[in-house]
C-alpha atoms as a PDB file:
ATOM      1  CA  UNK A   1     236.530  95.758  69.468  1.00  0.00           C
ATOM      2  CA  UNK A   2     235.119  99.358  69.946  1.00  0.00           C
ATOM      3  CA  UNK A   3     237.631 100.294  72.729  1.00  0.00           C
ATOM      4  CA  UNK A   4     240.607  99.882  69.735  1.00  0.00           C
ATOM      5  CA  UNK A   5     238.598 102.231  67.787  1.00  0.00           C
ATOM      6  CA  UNK A   6     236.194 105.793  67.816  1.00  0.00           C
ATOM      7  CA  UNK A   7     233.357 105.908  65.218  1.00  0.00           C
ATOM      8  CA  UNK A   8     233.879 108.619  62.885  1.00  0.00           C
ATOM      9  CA  UNK A   9     230.411 109.526  60.719  1.00  0.00           C
ATOM     10  CA  UNK A  10     230.086 112.240  58.415  1.00  0.00           C
ATOM     11  CA  UNK A  11     228.011 113.032  55.206  1.00  0.00           C
ATOM     12  CA  UNK A  12     228.992 113.037  51.676  1.00  0.00           C
ATOM     13  CA  UNK A  13     228.561 115.443  49.120  1.00  0.00           C
ATOM     14  CA  UNK A  14     225.190 113.782  47.898  1.00  0.00           C
ATOM     15  CA  UNK A  15     223.878 113.442  51.402  1.00  0.00           C
ATOM     16  CA  UNK A  16     224.612 109.816  52.078  1.00  0.00           C
ATOM     17  CA  UNK A  17     225.830 109.289  55.994  1.00  0.00           C
ATOM     18  CA  UNK A  18     229.032 107.841  55.695  1.00  0.00           C
ATOM     19  CA  UNK A  19     231.197 105.526  58.153  1.00  0.00           C
ATOM     20  CA  UNK A  20     235.343 105.384  59.332  1.00  0.00           C
ATOM     21  CA  UNK A  21     236.625 104.219  62.166  1.00  0.00           C
ATOM     22  CA  UNK A  22     239.343 106.060  63.823  1.00  0.00           C
ATOM     23  CA  UNK A  23     242.531 104.434  65.844  1.00  0.00           C
ATOM     24  CA  UNK A  24     244.912 106.350  67.680  1.00  0.00           C
ATOM     25  CA  UNK A  25     245.904 109.996  67.639  1.00  0.00           C
ATOM     26  CA  UNK A  26     247.695 112.447  65.561  1.00  0.00           C
ATOM     27  CA  UNK A  27     251.115 112.789  65.537  1.00  0.00           C
ATOM     28  CA  UNK A  28     253.182 115.430  64.554  1.00  0.00           C
ATOM     29  CA  UNK A  29     256.449 113.084  64.237  1.00  0.00           C
ATOM     30  CA  UNK A  30     254.324 110.678  61.641  1.00  0.00           C
ATOM     31  CA  UNK A  31     251.876 110.915  58.888  1.00  0.00           C
ATOM     32  CA  UNK A  32     248.432 109.591  59.265  1.00  0.00           C
ATOM     33  CA  UNK A  33     247.811 106.127  58.039  1.00  0.00           C
ATOM     34  CA  UNK A  34     244.071 106.133  55.582  1.00  0.00           C
ATOM     35  CA  UNK A  35     243.055 102.086  54.468  1.00  0.00           C
ATOM     36  CA  UNK A  36     240.803 101.660  51.801  1.00  0.00           C
ATOM     37  CA  UNK A  37     239.444  98.038  51.538  1.00  0.00           C
ATOM     38  CA  UNK A  38     238.002  95.884  48.818  1.00  0.00           C
ATOM     39  CA  UNK A  39     235.331  96.145  46.241  1.00  0.00           C
ATOM     40  CA  UNK A  40     232.774  94.350  49.004  1.00  0.00           C
ATOM     41  CA  UNK A  41     235.027  95.006  51.766  1.00  0.00           C
ATOM     42  CA  UNK A  42     235.317  97.259  54.784  1.00  0.00           C
ATOM     43  CA  UNK A  43     237.240  99.115  57.717  1.00  0.00           C
ATOM     44  CA  UNK A  44     237.424  95.863  59.455  1.00  0.00           C
ATOM     45  CA  UNK A  45     239.951  93.987  57.152  1.00  0.00           C
ATOM     46  CA  UNK A  46     242.438  96.912  58.408  1.00  0.00           C
ATOM     47  CA  UNK A  47     241.674  96.299  62.404  1.00  0.00           C
ATOM     48  CA  UNK A  48     244.633  93.892  63.973  1.00  0.00           C
ATOM     49  CA  UNK A  49     247.274  96.012  61.753  1.00  0.00           C
ATOM     50  CA  UNK A  50     245.403  99.501  62.733  1.00  0.00           C
ATOM     51  CA  UNK A  51     245.860  98.841  66.122  1.00  0.00           C
ATOM     52  CA  UNK A  52     249.640  97.979  65.586  1.00  0.00           C
ATOM     53  CA  UNK A  53     250.036 101.039  63.853  1.00  0.00           C
ATOM     54  CA  UNK A  54     248.408 103.100  66.157  1.00  0.00           C
ATOM     55  CA  UNK A  55     250.502 101.753  69.339  1.00  0.00           C
ATOM     56  CA  UNK A  56     253.202 101.077  67.641  1.00  0.00           C
ATOM     57  CA  UNK A  57     257.059 102.828  68.105  1.00  0.00           C
ATOM     58  CA  UNK A  58     256.148 105.371  66.608  1.00  0.00           C
ATOM     59  CA  UNK A  59     252.059 105.744  67.158  1.00  0.00           C
ATOM     60  CA  UNK A  60     250.308 107.113  64.061  1.00  0.00           C
ATOM     61  CA  UNK A  61     246.200 108.174  63.514  1.00  0.00           C
ATOM     62  CA  UNK A  62     244.849 105.157  61.291  1.00  0.00           C
ATOM     63  CA  UNK A  63     241.532 105.983  59.651  1.00  0.00           C
ATOM     64  CA  UNK A  64     240.148 103.107  57.844  1.00  0.00           C
ATOM     65  CA  UNK A  65     236.463 104.068  55.126  1.00  0.00           C
ATOM     66  CA  UNK A  66     233.811 101.573  54.906  1.00  0.00           C
ATOM     67  CA  UNK A  67     232.693 103.289  51.111  1.00  0.00           C
ATOM     68  CA  UNK A  68     228.875 103.896  50.430  1.00  0.00           C
ATOM     69  CA  UNK A  69     226.868 100.412  50.177  1.00  0.00           C
ATOM     70  CA  UNK A  70     229.825  98.598  52.618  1.00  0.00           C
ATOM     71  CA  UNK A  71     229.503  98.123  56.390  1.00  0.00           C
ATOM     72  CA  UNK A  72     228.044 101.172  58.688  1.00  0.00           C
ATOM     73  CA  UNK A  73     227.708 103.448  55.712  1.00  0.00           C
ATOM     74  CA  UNK A  74     224.497 103.740  53.886  1.00  0.00           C
ATOM     75  CA  UNK A  75     223.327 102.684  50.737  1.00  0.00           C
ATOM     76  CA  UNK A  76     223.100 104.093  47.935  1.00  0.00           C
ATOM     77  CA  UNK A  77     219.970 103.902  45.934  1.00  0.00           C
ATOM     78  CA  UNK A  78     221.843 104.563  42.542  1.00  0.00           C
ATOM     79  CA  UNK A  79     224.374 101.549  42.261  1.00  0.00           C
ATOM     80  CA  UNK A  80     225.997 103.296  39.580  1.00  0.00           C
ATOM     81  CA  UNK A  81     227.504 105.668  41.956  1.00  0.00           C
ATOM     82  CA  UNK A  82     228.987 102.468  43.391  1.00  0.00           C
ATOM     83  CA  UNK A  83     232.181 103.314  41.207  1.00  0.00           C
ATOM     84  CA  UNK A  84     235.591 104.477  42.306  1.00  0.00           C
ATOM     85  CA  UNK A  85     235.659 108.395  41.030  1.00  0.00           C
ATOM     86  CA  UNK A  86     232.479 108.944  43.904  1.00  0.00           C
ATOM     87  CA  UNK A  87     234.308 106.689  46.672  1.00  0.00           C
ATOM     88  CA  UNK A  88     237.498 108.832  46.516  1.00  0.00           C
ATOM     89  CA  UNK A  89     235.033 112.008  46.385  1.00  0.00           C
ATOM     90  CA  UNK A  90     233.889 110.241  49.743  1.00  0.00           C
ATOM     91  CA  UNK A  91     237.131 109.615  51.280  1.00  0.00           C
ATOM     92  CA  UNK A  92     237.981 113.606  50.563  1.00  0.00           C
ATOM     93  CA  UNK A  93     235.017 114.805  52.219  1.00  0.00           C
ATOM     94  CA  UNK A  94     235.648 112.551  55.291  1.00  0.00           C
ATOM     95  CA  UNK A  95     239.282 113.902  55.438  1.00  0.00           C
ATOM     96  CA  UNK A  96     237.853 117.119  54.615  1.00  0.00           C
ATOM     97  CA  UNK A  97     235.615 116.592  57.842  1.00  0.00           C
ATOM     98  CA  UNK A  98     238.926 115.114  59.622  1.00  0.00           C
ATOM     99  CA  UNK A  99     241.285 118.193  59.031  1.00  0.00           C
ATOM    100  CA  UNK A 100     243.948 115.632  57.230  1.00  0.00           C
ATOM    101  CA  UNK A 101     245.512 117.137  54.399  1.00  0.00           C
ATOM    102  CA  UNK A 102     248.329 114.494  54.477  1.00  0.00           C
ATOM    103  CA  UNK A 103     247.921 110.805  54.740  1.00  0.00           C
ATOM    104  CA  UNK A 104     249.899 107.806  53.574  1.00  0.00           C
ATOM    105  CA  UNK A 105     247.773 105.814  52.047  1.00  0.00           C
ATOM    106  CA  UNK A 106     247.134 101.858  52.367  1.00  0.00           C
ATOM    107  CA  UNK A 107     244.842 100.766  49.122  1.00  0.00           C
ATOM    108  CA  UNK A 108     244.158  97.059  48.787  1.00  0.00           C
ATOM    109  CA  UNK A 109     242.719  95.669  45.418  1.00  0.00           C
ATOM    110  CA  UNK A 110     239.711  98.485  44.987  1.00  0.00           C
ATOM    111  CA  UNK A 111     241.337 100.541  47.537  1.00  0.00           C
ATOM    112  CA  UNK A 112     244.351 100.839  45.010  1.00  0.00           C
ATOM    113  CA  UNK A 113     242.591 102.106  42.214  1.00  0.00           C
ATOM    114  CA  UNK A 114     241.069 104.519  44.228  1.00  0.00           C
ATOM    115  CA  UNK A 115     244.262 105.648  45.596  1.00  0.00           C
ATOM    116  CA  UNK A 116     244.811 106.222  41.915  1.00  0.00           C
ATOM    117  CA  UNK A 117     241.646 108.212  41.912  1.00  0.00           C
ATOM    118  CA  UNK A 118     242.993 110.285  44.317  1.00  0.00           C
ATOM    119  CA  UNK A 119     246.135 111.249  42.991  1.00  0.00           C
ATOM    120  CA  UNK A 120     244.697 112.631  39.939  1.00  0.00           C
ATOM    121  CA  UNK A 121     242.041 114.303  42.260  1.00  0.00           C
ATOM    122  CA  UNK A 122     244.172 115.525  44.973  1.00  0.00           C
ATOM    123  CA  UNK A 123     247.622 114.789  44.662  1.00  0.00           C
ATOM    124  CA  UNK A 124     249.066 116.971  47.589  1.00  0.00           C
ATOM    125  CA  UNK A 125     246.791 114.620  49.908  1.00  0.00           C
ATOM    126  CA  UNK A 126     249.331 111.758  49.256  1.00  0.00           C
ATOM    127  CA  UNK A 127     252.559 111.714  50.884  1.00  0.00           C
ATOM    128  CA  UNK A 128     253.280 107.931  50.845  1.00  0.00           C
ATOM    129  CA  UNK A 129     251.135 104.658  49.147  1.00  0.00           C
ATOM    130  CA  UNK A 130     250.825 101.178  50.257  1.00  0.00           C
ATOM    131  CA  UNK A 131     249.460  98.732  47.630  1.00  0.00           C
ATOM    132  CA  UNK A 132     248.054  95.950  48.614  1.00  0.00           C
ATOM    133  CA  UNK A 133     247.647  93.800  45.240  1.00  0.00           C
ATOM    134  CA  UNK A 134     246.725  95.718  42.979  1.00  0.00           C
ATOM    135  CA  UNK A 135     248.785  97.436  39.976  1.00  0.00           C
ATOM    136  CA  UNK A 136     247.683  99.150  36.767  1.00  0.00           C
ATOM    137  CA  UNK A 137     247.030  95.953  35.117  1.00  0.00           C
ATOM    138  CA  UNK A 138     243.831  94.330  36.329  1.00  0.00           C
ATOM    139  CA  UNK A 139     244.023  90.293  35.112  1.00  0.00           C
ATOM    140  CA  UNK A 140     240.682  89.279  33.619  1.00  0.00           C
ATOM    141  CA  UNK A 141     241.233  85.891  34.778  1.00  0.00           C
ATOM    142  CA  UNK A 142     241.291  87.593  38.633  1.00  0.00           C
ATOM    143  CA  UNK A 143     238.691  89.819  38.769  1.00  0.00           C
ATOM    144  CA  UNK A 144     236.506  86.707  36.866  1.00  0.00           C
ATOM    145  CA  UNK A 145     237.324  84.655  39.435  1.00  0.00           C
ATOM    146  CA  UNK A 146     235.889  87.356  42.363  1.00  0.00           C
ATOM    147  CA  UNK A 147     232.864  87.799  40.266  1.00  0.00           C
ATOM    148  CA  UNK A 148     232.224  83.963  39.744  1.00  0.00           C
ATOM    149  CA  UNK A 149     232.333  83.419  43.899  1.00  0.00           C
ATOM    150  CA  UNK A 150     230.925  86.370  44.537  1.00  0.00           C
ATOM    151  CA  UNK A 151     227.720  85.798  42.182  1.00  0.00           C
ATOM    152  CA  UNK A 152     227.762  81.979  43.593  1.00  0.00           C
ATOM    153  CA  UNK A 153     228.482  82.131  46.941  1.00  0.00           C
ATOM    154  CA  UNK A 154     226.663  80.277  49.168  1.00  0.00           C
ATOM    155  CA  UNK A 155     224.104  81.786  51.928  1.00  0.00           C
ATOM    156  CA  UNK A 156     225.940  80.092  55.083  1.00  0.00           C
ATOM    157  CA  UNK A 157     223.784  79.989  58.385  1.00  0.00           C
ATOM    158  CA  UNK A 158     226.194  80.060  60.968  1.00  0.00           C
ATOM    159  CA  UNK A 159     229.384  81.599  61.460  1.00  0.00           C
ATOM    160  CA  UNK A 160     230.986  78.041  62.029  1.00  0.00           C
ATOM    161  CA  UNK A 161     229.410  77.088  58.637  1.00  0.00           C
ATOM    162  CA  UNK A 162     230.836  80.472  56.864  1.00  0.00           C
ATOM    163  CA  UNK A 163     234.112  79.583  58.129  1.00  0.00           C
ATOM    164  CA  UNK A 164     234.168  76.524  56.536  1.00  0.00           C
ATOM    165  CA  UNK A 165     232.846  77.460  52.952  1.00  0.00           C
ATOM    166  CA  UNK A 166     235.785  79.801  52.629  1.00  0.00           C
ATOM    167  CA  UNK A 167     238.539  77.856  53.755  1.00  0.00           C
ATOM    168  CA  UNK A 168     236.818  75.400  51.115  1.00  0.00           C
ATOM    169  CA  UNK A 169     236.917  77.922  48.353  1.00  0.00           C
ATOM    170  CA  UNK A 170     240.373  79.702  49.280  1.00  0.00           C
ATOM    171  CA  UNK A 171     242.502  77.181  51.248  1.00  0.00           C
ATOM    172  CA  UNK A 172     244.356  75.985  47.895  1.00  0.00           C
ATOM    173  CA  UNK A 173     245.289  79.796  47.496  1.00  0.00           C
ATOM    174  CA  UNK A 174     246.257  80.806  50.777  1.00  0.00           C
ATOM    175  CA  UNK A 175     248.083  77.892  52.473  1.00  0.00           C
ATOM    176  CA  UNK A 176     249.208  79.370  55.553  1.00  0.00           C
ATOM    177  CA  UNK A 177     246.313  80.813  57.590  1.00  0.00           C
ATOM    178  CA  UNK A 178     245.332  79.774  60.812  1.00  0.00           C
ATOM    179  CA  UNK A 179     242.046  79.015  62.423  1.00  0.00           C
ATOM    180  CA  UNK A 180     242.275  82.288  63.738  1.00  0.00           C
ATOM    181  CA  UNK A 181     243.117  84.248  60.205  1.00  0.00           C
ATOM    182  CA  UNK A 182     240.102  82.216  58.677  1.00  0.00           C
ATOM    183  CA  UNK A 183     237.744  83.318  61.534  1.00  0.00           C
ATOM    184  CA  UNK A 184     239.075  86.848  61.313  1.00  0.00           C
ATOM    185  CA  UNK A 185     238.549  86.885  57.556  1.00  0.00           C
ATOM    186  CA  UNK A 186     234.765  85.633  57.785  1.00  0.00           C
ATOM    187  CA  UNK A 187     233.745  88.681  60.517  1.00  0.00           C
ATOM    188  CA  UNK A 188     235.313  91.291  58.665  1.00  0.00           C
ATOM    189  CA  UNK A 189     233.083  89.942  55.608  1.00  0.00           C
ATOM    190  CA  UNK A 190     229.642  89.238  57.169  1.00  0.00           C
ATOM    191  CA  UNK A 191     228.096  91.170  59.991  1.00  0.00           C
ATOM    192  CA  UNK A 192     226.006  89.381  62.930  1.00  0.00           C
ATOM    193  CA  UNK A 193     222.450  88.975  62.278  1.00  0.00           C
ATOM    194  CA  UNK A 194     221.148  87.357  65.244  1.00  0.00           C
ATOM    195  CA  UNK A 195     223.489  85.079  65.173  1.00  0.00           C
ATOM    196  CA  UNK A 196     223.219  84.633  60.797  1.00  0.00           C
ATOM    197  CA  UNK A 197     226.432  86.041  59.139  1.00  0.00           C
ATOM    198  CA  UNK A 198     225.090  88.210  56.363  1.00  0.00           C
ATOM    199  CA  UNK A 199     227.346  89.843  53.861  1.00  0.00           C
ATOM    200  CA  UNK A 200     227.940  93.268  55.190  1.00  0.00           C
ATOM    201  CA  UNK A 201     227.687  95.167  52.035  1.00  0.00           C
ATOM    202  CA  UNK A 202     224.677  96.059  50.026  1.00  0.00           C
ATOM    203  CA  UNK A 203     224.076  93.335  47.125  1.00  0.00           C
ATOM    204  CA  UNK A 204     223.771  95.872  44.743  1.00  0.00           C
ATOM    205  CA  UNK A 205     226.624  96.410  44.562  1.00  0.00           C
ATOM    206  CA  UNK A 206     226.934  93.208  42.366  1.00  0.00           C
ATOM    207  CA  UNK A 207     225.357  94.947  39.548  1.00  0.00           C
ATOM    208  CA  UNK A 208     229.043  96.504  38.844  1.00  0.00           C
ATOM    209  CA  UNK A 209     230.843  94.023  37.854  1.00  0.00           C
ATOM    210  CA  UNK A 210     228.127  92.738  35.714  1.00  0.00           C
ATOM    211  CA  UNK A 211     228.391  94.987  33.135  1.00  0.00           C
ATOM    212  CA  UNK A 212     232.660  94.246  32.488  1.00  0.00           C
ATOM    213  CA  UNK A 213     233.474  92.170  29.511  1.00  0.00           C
ATOM    214  CA  UNK A 214     235.867  89.718  30.439  1.00  0.00           C
ATOM    215  CA  UNK A 215     236.356  88.401  26.658  1.00  0.00           C
ATOM    216  CA  UNK A 216     238.158  91.948  26.089  1.00  0.00           C
ATOM    217  CA  UNK A 217     240.637  93.138  27.739  1.00  0.00           C
ATOM    218  CA  UNK A 218     240.749  95.020  30.768  1.00  0.00           C
ATOM    219  CA  UNK A 219     242.035  98.994  30.726  1.00  0.00           C
ATOM    220  CA  UNK A 220     244.606  99.250  32.041  1.00  0.00           C
ATOM    221  CA  UNK A 221     246.181 101.801  34.634  1.00  0.00           C
ATOM    222  CA  UNK A 222     249.502 103.158  33.341  1.00  0.00           C
ATOM    223  CA  UNK A 223     249.189 106.763  33.446  1.00  0.00           C
ATOM    224  CA  UNK A 224     247.259 106.959  36.870  1.00  0.00           C
ATOM    225  CA  UNK A 225     250.075 104.838  38.275  1.00  0.00           C
ATOM    226  CA  UNK A 226     252.370 107.215  37.084  1.00  0.00           C
ATOM    227  CA  UNK A 227     250.492 110.189  38.724  1.00  0.00           C
ATOM    228  CA  UNK A 228     252.442 108.061  41.945  1.00  0.00           C
ATOM    229  CA  UNK A 229     255.416 108.936  40.632  1.00  0.00           C
ATOM    230  CA  UNK A 230     256.340 111.503  43.194  1.00  0.00           C
ATOM    231  CA  UNK A 231     255.803 109.593  45.676  1.00  0.00           C
ATOM    232  CA  UNK A 232     256.910 106.595  47.721  1.00  0.00           C
ATOM    233  CA  UNK A 233     255.393 103.535  47.451  1.00  0.00           C
ATOM    234  CA  UNK A 234     255.031 100.008  48.807  1.00  0.00           C
ATOM    235  CA  UNK A 235     253.791  97.442  46.189  1.00  0.00           C
ATOM    236  CA  UNK A 236     252.548  94.243  48.050  1.00  0.00           C
ATOM    237  CA  UNK A 237     251.307  90.970  46.050  1.00  0.00           C
ATOM    238  CA  UNK A 238     250.001  87.350  47.113  1.00  0.00           C
ATOM    239  CA  UNK A 239     252.681  84.576  45.673  1.00  0.00           C
ATOM    240  CA  UNK A 240     248.951  83.115  44.385  1.00  0.00           C
ATOM    241  CA  UNK A 241     247.565  85.892  43.211  1.00  0.00           C
ATOM    242  CA  UNK A 242     245.477  85.858  39.913  1.00  0.00           C
ATOM    243  CA  UNK A 243     244.466  89.873  39.978  1.00  0.00           C
ATOM    244  CA  UNK A 244     248.112  91.159  40.025  1.00  0.00           C
ATOM    245  CA  UNK A 245     250.552  89.343  38.066  1.00  0.00           C
ATOM    246  CA  UNK A 246     254.485  88.914  38.635  1.00  0.00           C
ATOM    247  CA  UNK A 247     255.367  90.550  35.395  1.00  0.00           C
ATOM    248  CA  UNK A 248     253.144  93.378  36.118  1.00  0.00           C
ATOM    249  CA  UNK A 249     254.713  93.878  39.756  1.00  0.00           C
ATOM    250  CA  UNK A 250     258.173  93.950  37.970  1.00  0.00           C
ATOM    251  CA  UNK A 251     257.054  96.539  35.489  1.00  0.00           C
ATOM    252  CA  UNK A 252     255.709  98.850  38.309  1.00  0.00           C
ATOM    253  CA  UNK A 253     259.232  98.491  40.013  1.00  0.00           C
ATOM    254  CA  UNK A 254     260.718  99.341  36.502  1.00  0.00           C
ATOM    255  CA  UNK A 255     258.642 102.327  35.697  1.00  0.00           C
ATOM    256  CA  UNK A 256     258.509 103.776  39.380  1.00  0.00           C
ATOM    257  CA  UNK A 257     261.524 105.579  40.810  1.00  0.00           C
ATOM    258  CA  UNK A 258     260.948 104.566  44.239  1.00  0.00           C
ATOM    259  CA  UNK A 259     259.258 101.557  44.575  1.00  0.00           C
ATOM    260  CA  UNK A 260     259.507  98.555  47.323  1.00  0.00           C
ATOM    261  CA  UNK A 261     258.090  95.392  47.067  1.00  0.00           C
ATOM    262  CA  UNK A 262     256.950  92.204  48.951  1.00  0.00           C
ATOM    263  CA  UNK A 263     255.465  88.999  47.943  1.00  0.00           C
ATOM    264  CA  UNK A 264     253.907  87.181  50.520  1.00  0.00           C
ATOM    265  CA  UNK A 265     254.162  83.251  50.163  1.00  0.00           C
ATOM    266  CA  UNK A 266     251.112  81.026  50.256  1.00  0.00           C
ATOM    267  CA  UNK A 267     248.127  83.886  50.088  1.00  0.00           C
ATOM    268  CA  UNK A 268     246.682  85.057  46.444  1.00  0.00           C
ATOM    269  CA  UNK A 269     244.197  87.796  46.305  1.00  0.00           C
ATOM    270  CA  UNK A 270     244.533  89.858  48.666  1.00  0.00           C
ATOM    271  CA  UNK A 271     247.015  89.022  51.424  1.00  0.00           C
ATOM    272  CA  UNK A 272     246.221  89.741  54.900  1.00  0.00           C
ATOM    273  CA  UNK A 273     247.900  92.722  56.066  1.00  0.00           C
ATOM    274  CA  UNK A 274     248.147  91.203  59.500  1.00  0.00           C
ATOM    275  CA  UNK A 275     249.961  88.222  58.942  1.00  0.00           C
ATOM    276  CA  UNK A 276     253.440  86.867  57.503  1.00  0.00           C
ATOM    277  CA  UNK A 277     255.491  89.729  59.281  1.00  0.00           C
ATOM    278  CA  UNK A 278     253.732  92.256  57.558  1.00  0.00           C
ATOM    279  CA  UNK A 279     252.534  94.604  60.363  1.00  0.00           C
ATOM    280  CA  UNK A 280     256.323  94.945  61.083  1.00  0.00           C
ATOM    281  CA  UNK A 281     257.230  95.222  57.517  1.00  0.00           C
ATOM    282  CA  UNK A 282     254.760  97.955  56.714  1.00  0.00           C
ATOM    283  CA  UNK A 283     255.565  99.891  59.850  1.00  0.00           C
ATOM    284  CA  UNK A 284     259.084  99.684  58.282  1.00  0.00           C
ATOM    285  CA  UNK A 285     258.056 101.292  55.461  1.00  0.00           C
ATOM    286  CA  UNK A 286     256.462 104.513  56.946  1.00  0.00           C
ATOM    287  CA  UNK A 287     259.441 104.891  59.205  1.00  0.00           C
ATOM    288  CA  UNK A 288     261.259 105.232  56.096  1.00  0.00           C
ATOM    289  CA  UNK A 289     259.038 106.603  54.087  1.00  0.00           C
ATOM    290  CA  UNK A 290     255.675 108.528  56.000  1.00  0.00           C
ATOM    291  CA  UNK A 291     257.351 111.023  58.622  1.00  0.00           C
ATOM    292  CA  UNK A 292     256.175 114.409  59.009  1.00  0.00           C
ATOM    293  CA  UNK A 293     257.743 117.362  60.710  1.00  0.00           C
ATOM    294  CA  UNK A 294     253.997 118.577  61.140  1.00  0.00           C
ATOM    295  CA  UNK A 295     250.576 117.030  60.496  1.00  0.00           C
ATOM    296  CA  UNK A 296     247.310 118.412  60.324  1.00  0.00           C
ATOM    297  CA  UNK A 297     244.967 116.349  62.624  1.00  0.00           C
END
């Protein structure tokens, strides 16, 4: 895998060593793509898609971040810093270090919320946005499902066992995945610790979910979503998603003047972006909406 990307380390404003993968090279005719993963996920989730975008008909530089406490980024001693506002600041620090002033953003779940924050903090940074199974309304049932799974997830002894656990838990929601798909999911979620799969995130991250009162309506992010009104948006939803409802997606289309949408059959939260023909559809969106005559490195 390391032959496909370069490692990039940088330092956050509060001194943490953070990490991103860099695929491909800058292309003055194409905006770079910034990939932001879900709550406990990391840059590995975007590997197949990033290769496709970096080597496609219109090659693009792709930057996939590991947030603090995930993947190869350092863990934070203060778990309260596992916060979308702090994480957005880390992304800005990384892009500043890379000299990138404008980009397209792909945000899966938590990554979409961070994208909303970036639109408020640095609106000129975003030139197009792809939201993967996330919107201004986060359904409590979906968040409860994620929290319950993370709190009760068994500890597999082998990667084969980890694959079996994932399939048993989610095959009713993800009905069309192949054996190779399930293995990629697991290899992105766990790191290899002498042959034993270990979740590739700081366990303290789960404390951020324990304080959420799911008996109350969750905050909505329509004002933040409106911050994207000046840029084209592609919204992707899993047909079986419990986090992003079909009704919210309909409202997003009604409120945004330049929003396209895709519903991925047979997948839940969050669709695998390298499957179901999504790489080609994402490339098409980028070709139509995210070209540039000149861009920073």
